[in-house]
N, C-alpha and C. Protein backbone atom coordinates (compact mmCIF):
# COMPACT_ATOMS: atom_id res chain seq x y z
N MET A 1 13.65 -223.09 -43.80
CA MET A 1 13.81 -222.11 -42.74
C MET A 1 15.10 -222.37 -42.03
N ARG A 2 16.04 -221.34 -41.96
CA ARG A 2 17.32 -221.42 -41.28
C ARG A 2 17.24 -220.59 -40.10
N ILE A 3 17.85 -221.21 -38.91
CA ILE A 3 17.83 -220.62 -37.55
C ILE A 3 19.22 -220.80 -36.95
N LEU A 4 19.71 -219.59 -36.47
CA LEU A 4 20.94 -219.60 -35.75
C LEU A 4 20.67 -219.28 -34.35
N ILE A 5 21.15 -220.08 -33.40
CA ILE A 5 20.94 -219.85 -32.02
C ILE A 5 22.29 -219.46 -31.31
N LEU A 6 22.38 -218.29 -30.64
CA LEU A 6 23.75 -217.79 -30.21
C LEU A 6 23.62 -217.64 -28.72
N CYS A 7 24.89 -217.86 -28.15
CA CYS A 7 25.10 -217.49 -26.70
C CYS A 7 26.66 -217.40 -26.69
N THR A 8 27.29 -217.25 -25.61
CA THR A 8 28.71 -216.90 -25.51
C THR A 8 29.49 -218.15 -25.77
N GLY A 9 29.34 -219.14 -24.98
CA GLY A 9 30.28 -220.41 -25.04
C GLY A 9 29.87 -221.50 -25.83
N ASN A 10 28.51 -221.52 -26.29
CA ASN A 10 28.02 -222.44 -27.22
C ASN A 10 28.36 -223.94 -26.64
N SER A 11 28.14 -224.16 -25.30
CA SER A 11 28.45 -225.41 -24.80
C SER A 11 27.17 -226.00 -24.06
N CYS A 12 26.24 -225.14 -23.75
CA CYS A 12 25.04 -225.69 -22.97
C CYS A 12 23.73 -225.30 -23.56
N ARG A 13 23.27 -223.94 -23.28
CA ARG A 13 22.00 -223.48 -23.60
C ARG A 13 21.78 -223.46 -25.12
N SER A 14 22.74 -223.01 -25.97
CA SER A 14 22.40 -222.82 -27.36
C SER A 14 22.56 -224.32 -28.04
N GLN A 15 23.35 -225.20 -27.39
CA GLN A 15 23.40 -226.60 -27.87
C GLN A 15 22.01 -227.31 -27.56
N MET A 16 21.54 -227.23 -26.38
CA MET A 16 20.36 -227.74 -26.10
C MET A 16 19.23 -227.21 -26.98
N ALA A 17 19.06 -225.95 -27.24
CA ALA A 17 18.02 -225.27 -28.03
C ALA A 17 18.15 -225.81 -29.44
N GLU A 18 19.42 -225.83 -29.97
CA GLU A 18 19.57 -226.41 -31.30
C GLU A 18 18.94 -227.80 -31.46
N ALA A 19 19.35 -228.70 -30.56
CA ALA A 19 18.98 -230.09 -30.54
C ALA A 19 17.44 -230.33 -30.30
N ILE A 20 16.87 -229.50 -29.43
CA ILE A 20 15.38 -229.58 -29.25
C ILE A 20 14.61 -228.99 -30.41
N LEU A 21 15.02 -227.87 -30.97
CA LEU A 21 14.45 -227.40 -32.14
C LEU A 21 14.44 -228.42 -33.35
N ARG A 22 15.57 -228.98 -33.51
CA ARG A 22 15.72 -230.03 -34.56
C ARG A 22 14.68 -231.17 -34.28
N SER A 23 14.60 -231.57 -33.00
CA SER A 23 13.75 -232.67 -32.64
C SER A 23 12.34 -232.43 -32.92
N ILE A 24 11.85 -231.12 -32.80
CA ILE A 24 10.58 -230.72 -33.02
C ILE A 24 10.15 -230.90 -34.56
N ASP A 25 11.13 -230.50 -35.38
CA ASP A 25 10.90 -230.52 -36.86
C ASP A 25 12.21 -230.61 -37.55
N GLY A 26 12.51 -231.82 -38.02
CA GLY A 26 13.67 -232.16 -38.72
C GLY A 26 13.91 -231.49 -39.99
N ALA A 27 12.79 -230.89 -40.53
CA ALA A 27 13.02 -230.08 -41.76
C ALA A 27 13.70 -228.70 -41.62
N LEU A 28 13.69 -228.23 -40.32
CA LEU A 28 14.36 -227.01 -40.02
C LEU A 28 15.85 -227.08 -40.14
N GLU A 29 16.58 -226.05 -40.60
CA GLU A 29 18.03 -226.04 -40.52
C GLU A 29 18.42 -225.29 -39.34
N VAL A 30 18.92 -225.86 -38.32
CA VAL A 30 19.25 -225.11 -37.11
C VAL A 30 20.60 -225.38 -36.74
N VAL A 31 21.37 -224.25 -36.50
CA VAL A 31 22.70 -224.40 -36.09
C VAL A 31 22.90 -223.43 -34.79
N SER A 32 23.97 -223.70 -34.06
CA SER A 32 24.19 -222.83 -32.89
C SER A 32 25.65 -222.39 -32.90
N ALA A 33 25.95 -221.30 -32.30
CA ALA A 33 27.23 -220.90 -32.22
C ALA A 33 27.47 -219.89 -31.06
N GLY A 34 28.75 -219.43 -30.79
CA GLY A 34 29.05 -218.70 -29.69
C GLY A 34 30.18 -217.66 -30.08
N THR A 35 30.22 -216.60 -29.28
CA THR A 35 31.30 -215.64 -29.57
C THR A 35 32.64 -216.05 -28.89
N SER A 36 32.57 -216.79 -27.93
CA SER A 36 33.84 -217.48 -27.27
C SER A 36 33.61 -218.92 -26.99
N PRO A 37 33.59 -219.67 -27.96
CA PRO A 37 33.11 -221.13 -27.90
C PRO A 37 34.08 -221.91 -26.79
N ALA A 38 33.43 -222.60 -26.01
CA ALA A 38 34.07 -223.56 -25.03
C ALA A 38 34.77 -224.68 -25.88
N ALA A 39 35.63 -225.37 -25.27
CA ALA A 39 36.44 -226.48 -25.86
C ALA A 39 35.60 -227.59 -26.19
N HIS A 40 34.47 -227.88 -25.56
CA HIS A 40 33.61 -228.99 -25.88
C HIS A 40 32.17 -228.73 -25.40
N VAL A 41 31.20 -229.37 -25.81
CA VAL A 41 29.87 -229.31 -25.27
C VAL A 41 29.81 -229.94 -23.96
N HIS A 42 29.13 -229.34 -23.07
CA HIS A 42 29.11 -229.72 -21.62
C HIS A 42 28.47 -231.16 -21.56
N PRO A 43 29.05 -232.18 -21.04
CA PRO A 43 28.48 -233.57 -20.91
C PRO A 43 27.09 -233.52 -20.33
N LYS A 44 26.88 -232.70 -19.27
CA LYS A 44 25.58 -232.75 -18.63
C LYS A 44 24.46 -232.27 -19.63
N ALA A 45 24.83 -231.26 -20.55
CA ALA A 45 23.83 -230.84 -21.47
C ALA A 45 23.39 -232.06 -22.43
N LEU A 46 24.40 -232.78 -22.79
CA LEU A 46 24.02 -234.00 -23.65
C LEU A 46 23.39 -234.99 -22.87
N GLN A 47 23.72 -235.21 -21.58
CA GLN A 47 23.01 -236.01 -20.72
C GLN A 47 21.56 -235.74 -20.52
N VAL A 48 21.26 -234.56 -20.23
CA VAL A 48 19.80 -234.17 -19.96
C VAL A 48 18.94 -234.24 -21.21
N LEU A 49 19.68 -234.03 -22.48
CA LEU A 49 18.99 -234.16 -23.72
C LEU A 49 18.60 -235.63 -23.92
N GLN A 50 19.45 -236.40 -23.71
CA GLN A 50 19.26 -237.95 -23.88
C GLN A 50 18.15 -238.46 -22.96
N GLU A 51 18.08 -237.78 -21.82
CA GLU A 51 17.02 -238.20 -20.80
C GLU A 51 15.58 -237.99 -21.40
N ILE A 52 15.41 -237.02 -22.37
CA ILE A 52 14.16 -236.75 -23.00
C ILE A 52 14.06 -237.36 -24.48
N GLY A 53 15.10 -238.08 -24.67
CA GLY A 53 15.02 -238.83 -26.13
C GLY A 53 15.57 -237.85 -27.25
N VAL A 54 16.40 -236.82 -26.89
CA VAL A 54 16.83 -235.94 -27.90
C VAL A 54 18.30 -236.27 -28.07
N GLN A 55 18.67 -236.62 -29.30
CA GLN A 55 20.08 -236.98 -29.52
C GLN A 55 20.69 -235.64 -30.36
N HIS A 56 21.98 -235.62 -29.99
CA HIS A 56 22.60 -234.41 -30.65
C HIS A 56 24.19 -234.93 -30.94
N PRO A 57 24.28 -235.90 -31.96
CA PRO A 57 25.41 -236.54 -32.24
C PRO A 57 26.59 -235.81 -32.80
N ARG A 58 26.20 -234.70 -33.55
CA ARG A 58 27.25 -233.86 -34.20
C ARG A 58 27.60 -232.62 -33.30
N ALA A 59 27.25 -232.60 -32.03
CA ALA A 59 27.33 -231.37 -31.24
C ALA A 59 28.93 -231.06 -31.14
N ARG A 60 29.25 -229.84 -31.41
CA ARG A 60 30.46 -229.20 -31.14
C ARG A 60 30.33 -227.69 -31.09
N PRO A 61 31.03 -227.07 -30.16
CA PRO A 61 31.01 -225.62 -30.08
C PRO A 61 31.63 -225.05 -31.43
N LYS A 62 30.91 -223.94 -31.84
CA LYS A 62 31.28 -223.37 -33.09
C LYS A 62 31.45 -221.89 -32.82
N LYS A 63 32.26 -221.12 -33.58
CA LYS A 63 32.45 -219.78 -33.38
C LYS A 63 31.45 -219.15 -34.34
N VAL A 64 30.85 -218.02 -34.05
CA VAL A 64 29.83 -217.30 -34.75
C VAL A 64 30.49 -216.89 -36.08
N ASP A 65 31.67 -216.66 -36.19
CA ASP A 65 32.36 -216.13 -37.41
C ASP A 65 32.06 -217.23 -38.55
N GLU A 66 32.02 -218.44 -38.24
CA GLU A 66 31.72 -219.53 -39.25
C GLU A 66 30.48 -219.18 -40.11
N PHE A 67 29.53 -218.32 -39.54
CA PHE A 67 28.16 -218.18 -40.19
C PHE A 67 27.98 -216.76 -40.73
N LEU A 68 28.89 -215.89 -40.59
CA LEU A 68 28.73 -214.40 -40.79
C LEU A 68 28.39 -214.18 -42.25
N SER A 69 28.74 -215.02 -43.23
CA SER A 69 28.41 -214.77 -44.61
C SER A 69 27.14 -215.57 -45.07
N GLN A 70 26.37 -216.10 -44.07
CA GLN A 70 25.13 -216.90 -44.28
C GLN A 70 23.90 -216.16 -44.04
N ARG A 71 22.79 -216.50 -44.59
CA ARG A 71 21.59 -215.84 -44.29
C ARG A 71 20.77 -216.65 -43.37
N PHE A 72 19.96 -216.13 -42.45
CA PHE A 72 19.20 -216.75 -41.43
C PHE A 72 17.88 -216.06 -41.42
N ASP A 73 16.85 -216.88 -41.34
CA ASP A 73 15.51 -216.26 -41.11
C ASP A 73 15.27 -215.85 -39.69
N TYR A 74 15.92 -216.54 -38.73
CA TYR A 74 15.87 -216.10 -37.38
C TYR A 74 17.29 -216.26 -36.80
N VAL A 75 17.57 -215.27 -35.98
CA VAL A 75 18.71 -215.45 -35.04
C VAL A 75 18.19 -215.25 -33.63
N ILE A 76 18.49 -216.18 -32.74
CA ILE A 76 17.88 -216.19 -31.45
C ILE A 76 18.97 -216.20 -30.42
N THR A 77 19.11 -215.32 -29.49
CA THR A 77 20.17 -215.28 -28.48
C THR A 77 19.43 -215.93 -27.24
N VAL A 78 20.28 -216.78 -26.53
CA VAL A 78 19.66 -217.41 -25.36
C VAL A 78 20.30 -217.20 -24.06
N CYS A 79 21.28 -216.22 -24.08
CA CYS A 79 21.96 -215.93 -22.76
C CYS A 79 21.00 -215.07 -21.75
N ASP A 80 21.38 -215.00 -20.62
CA ASP A 80 20.76 -214.41 -19.61
C ASP A 80 21.14 -212.90 -19.47
N HIS A 81 20.37 -211.98 -19.96
CA HIS A 81 20.70 -210.63 -19.83
C HIS A 81 21.15 -210.04 -18.55
N ALA A 82 20.70 -210.61 -17.50
CA ALA A 82 21.08 -210.11 -16.23
C ALA A 82 22.68 -210.48 -15.91
N LYS A 83 23.11 -211.60 -16.43
CA LYS A 83 24.46 -211.91 -15.96
C LYS A 83 25.53 -211.95 -17.23
N GLU A 84 25.03 -211.71 -18.49
CA GLU A 84 25.87 -211.81 -19.57
C GLU A 84 25.58 -210.84 -20.59
N THR A 85 26.51 -210.54 -21.44
CA THR A 85 26.24 -209.60 -22.56
C THR A 85 26.00 -210.66 -23.71
N CYS A 86 24.82 -210.55 -24.40
CA CYS A 86 24.52 -211.40 -25.52
C CYS A 86 25.22 -211.09 -26.66
N PRO A 87 25.76 -212.08 -27.49
CA PRO A 87 26.46 -211.77 -28.64
C PRO A 87 25.47 -211.03 -29.77
N VAL A 88 26.00 -210.22 -30.68
CA VAL A 88 25.23 -209.69 -31.64
C VAL A 88 25.80 -210.42 -33.06
N PHE A 89 24.79 -210.72 -33.81
CA PHE A 89 25.14 -211.39 -35.08
C PHE A 89 24.96 -210.27 -36.16
N THR A 90 26.00 -209.97 -36.92
CA THR A 90 25.95 -208.83 -37.95
C THR A 90 25.70 -209.35 -39.33
N GLY A 91 25.49 -210.57 -39.48
CA GLY A 91 24.99 -211.23 -40.86
C GLY A 91 23.78 -210.92 -41.32
N ASN A 92 23.31 -211.55 -42.30
CA ASN A 92 21.96 -211.25 -42.97
C ASN A 92 20.91 -212.10 -42.25
N VAL A 93 19.99 -211.37 -41.56
CA VAL A 93 19.04 -211.81 -40.71
C VAL A 93 17.65 -211.33 -40.98
N GLY A 94 16.74 -212.19 -41.04
CA GLY A 94 15.31 -211.89 -41.17
C GLY A 94 14.76 -211.23 -39.97
N LYS A 95 14.76 -212.01 -38.86
CA LYS A 95 14.32 -211.65 -37.54
C LYS A 95 15.29 -211.85 -36.36
N ARG A 96 15.35 -211.10 -35.41
CA ARG A 96 16.17 -211.32 -34.23
C ARG A 96 15.22 -211.47 -33.08
N LEU A 97 15.53 -212.52 -32.25
CA LEU A 97 14.69 -212.70 -31.02
C LEU A 97 15.73 -212.93 -29.90
N HIS A 98 15.26 -212.75 -28.58
CA HIS A 98 15.96 -213.10 -27.50
C HIS A 98 15.02 -213.89 -26.57
N MET A 99 15.64 -215.10 -26.02
CA MET A 99 14.98 -215.86 -25.09
C MET A 99 16.10 -216.20 -24.07
N GLY A 100 16.05 -215.51 -22.97
CA GLY A 100 16.97 -215.64 -21.97
C GLY A 100 16.72 -216.79 -21.03
N PHE A 101 17.92 -217.50 -20.83
CA PHE A 101 18.01 -218.66 -19.87
C PHE A 101 19.17 -218.70 -18.93
N ASP A 102 19.09 -219.06 -17.76
CA ASP A 102 20.17 -219.20 -16.92
C ASP A 102 21.12 -220.22 -17.44
N ASP A 103 22.38 -219.87 -17.07
CA ASP A 103 23.55 -220.86 -17.52
C ASP A 103 23.69 -221.92 -16.52
N PRO A 104 23.35 -223.14 -16.91
CA PRO A 104 23.38 -224.23 -15.89
C PRO A 104 24.84 -224.63 -15.65
N ALA A 105 25.80 -224.16 -16.65
CA ALA A 105 27.13 -224.59 -16.39
C ALA A 105 27.86 -223.85 -15.15
N VAL A 106 27.10 -222.82 -14.62
CA VAL A 106 27.78 -222.25 -13.49
C VAL A 106 26.99 -222.62 -12.16
N ALA A 107 26.16 -223.63 -12.30
CA ALA A 107 25.44 -224.10 -11.16
C ALA A 107 26.37 -224.71 -10.14
N ALA A 108 26.08 -224.44 -8.81
CA ALA A 108 26.88 -225.05 -7.79
C ALA A 108 26.08 -225.95 -6.80
N GLY A 109 26.76 -226.81 -6.09
CA GLY A 109 26.07 -227.62 -5.30
C GLY A 109 26.52 -229.10 -5.36
N THR A 110 25.66 -229.93 -5.02
CA THR A 110 25.96 -231.39 -5.13
C THR A 110 25.75 -231.77 -6.52
N GLU A 111 26.25 -233.02 -7.01
CA GLU A 111 26.08 -233.49 -8.32
C GLU A 111 24.55 -233.55 -8.79
N GLN A 112 23.73 -233.91 -7.81
CA GLN A 112 22.34 -233.97 -7.99
C GLN A 112 21.62 -232.56 -8.19
N GLN A 113 22.10 -231.70 -7.42
CA GLN A 113 21.68 -230.30 -7.55
C GLN A 113 22.05 -229.62 -8.85
N ILE A 114 23.30 -229.76 -9.33
CA ILE A 114 23.79 -229.38 -10.70
C ILE A 114 23.01 -230.00 -11.77
N LEU A 115 22.77 -231.33 -11.66
CA LEU A 115 21.93 -231.99 -12.72
C LEU A 115 20.57 -231.49 -12.74
N GLY A 116 20.04 -231.16 -11.50
CA GLY A 116 18.74 -230.55 -11.49
C GLY A 116 18.68 -229.23 -12.10
N GLU A 117 19.66 -228.49 -12.06
CA GLU A 117 19.69 -227.29 -12.82
C GLU A 117 19.77 -227.38 -14.29
N PHE A 118 20.49 -228.27 -14.77
CA PHE A 118 20.58 -228.59 -16.17
C PHE A 118 19.15 -229.06 -16.68
N ARG A 119 18.46 -229.84 -15.88
CA ARG A 119 17.10 -230.27 -16.25
C ARG A 119 16.10 -229.22 -16.20
N ARG A 120 16.35 -228.30 -15.22
CA ARG A 120 15.33 -227.21 -15.26
C ARG A 120 15.51 -226.22 -16.44
N VAL A 121 16.80 -226.01 -16.79
CA VAL A 121 16.94 -225.13 -17.86
C VAL A 121 16.55 -225.81 -19.19
N ARG A 122 16.90 -227.10 -19.34
CA ARG A 122 16.49 -227.85 -20.56
C ARG A 122 14.90 -227.82 -20.62
N ASP A 123 14.21 -227.95 -19.55
CA ASP A 123 12.75 -227.92 -19.76
C ASP A 123 12.29 -226.43 -20.07
N GLU A 124 12.96 -225.44 -19.61
CA GLU A 124 12.49 -224.12 -19.95
C GLU A 124 12.86 -223.88 -21.47
N ILE A 125 13.99 -224.39 -21.91
CA ILE A 125 14.22 -224.27 -23.31
C ILE A 125 13.25 -225.02 -24.19
N ARG A 126 12.95 -226.22 -23.72
CA ARG A 126 12.03 -226.93 -24.59
C ARG A 126 10.68 -226.27 -24.62
N ARG A 127 10.16 -225.77 -23.50
CA ARG A 127 8.87 -225.13 -23.43
C ARG A 127 8.91 -223.76 -24.31
N GLU A 128 9.93 -223.02 -24.21
CA GLU A 128 10.02 -221.75 -24.97
C GLU A 128 10.13 -222.01 -26.50
N PHE A 129 10.93 -223.01 -26.85
CA PHE A 129 11.20 -223.24 -28.27
C PHE A 129 10.06 -223.99 -28.96
N THR A 130 9.29 -224.79 -28.06
CA THR A 130 8.11 -225.39 -28.62
C THR A 130 7.06 -224.32 -29.00
N ALA A 131 6.83 -223.37 -28.01
CA ALA A 131 5.86 -222.33 -28.17
C ALA A 131 6.22 -221.44 -29.42
N PHE A 132 7.60 -221.21 -29.56
CA PHE A 132 8.15 -220.44 -30.75
C PHE A 132 7.82 -221.10 -31.91
N TYR A 133 8.11 -222.46 -32.05
CA TYR A 133 7.75 -223.21 -33.17
C TYR A 133 6.31 -223.13 -33.57
N GLU A 134 5.44 -223.35 -32.54
CA GLU A 134 3.92 -223.39 -32.80
C GLU A 134 3.62 -221.98 -33.28
N ALA A 135 4.12 -220.91 -32.75
CA ALA A 135 3.63 -219.68 -33.20
C ALA A 135 4.16 -219.11 -34.51
N HIS A 136 5.46 -219.48 -34.86
CA HIS A 136 6.07 -218.89 -35.95
C HIS A 136 6.62 -219.83 -36.97
N LEU A 137 6.83 -221.12 -36.80
CA LEU A 137 7.55 -221.87 -37.68
C LEU A 137 6.62 -223.15 -38.17
N ARG A 138 5.73 -223.53 -37.49
CA ARG A 138 4.90 -224.68 -37.85
C ARG A 138 4.40 -224.45 -39.24
N PRO A 139 4.44 -225.36 -40.18
CA PRO A 139 4.10 -225.10 -41.56
C PRO A 139 2.80 -224.44 -41.78
N ASP A 140 1.80 -224.76 -41.05
CA ASP A 140 0.44 -224.12 -41.35
C ASP A 140 0.33 -222.70 -40.69
N THR A 141 1.38 -222.21 -40.03
CA THR A 141 1.50 -220.82 -39.50
C THR A 141 2.34 -219.98 -40.35
N ILE A 142 2.98 -220.56 -41.26
CA ILE A 142 3.87 -219.65 -42.11
C ILE A 142 3.21 -218.94 -43.28
């Protein structure tokens, strides 16, 4: 099962979703990418993943173009429709899904408030991707 998770910058939400989905089932092939990748993965995204025991050692922003010639069973966009235009993947796709999450990288406030926003979004991603896995990917549901 191959899954591509897309957003614009590939520095927060899609990276967290990739790492969380891999942590649920290591047999899944999960990658993430963006249409305009950031220079690096946001350090707070990696920090809040580590807080829940999820490692993402090979994390790096990737341009969606790297994957256009590949086939994916699922392509999932994770941007917030209200604030962003989600990227469109034109490659070979079985199913397309959208799970919108706020972008914690634009959070303002104190350090603790910003970290709280990263944790909130992480927890939403974990909840939604766990439900997705249980409904569509768990071996006894395929």
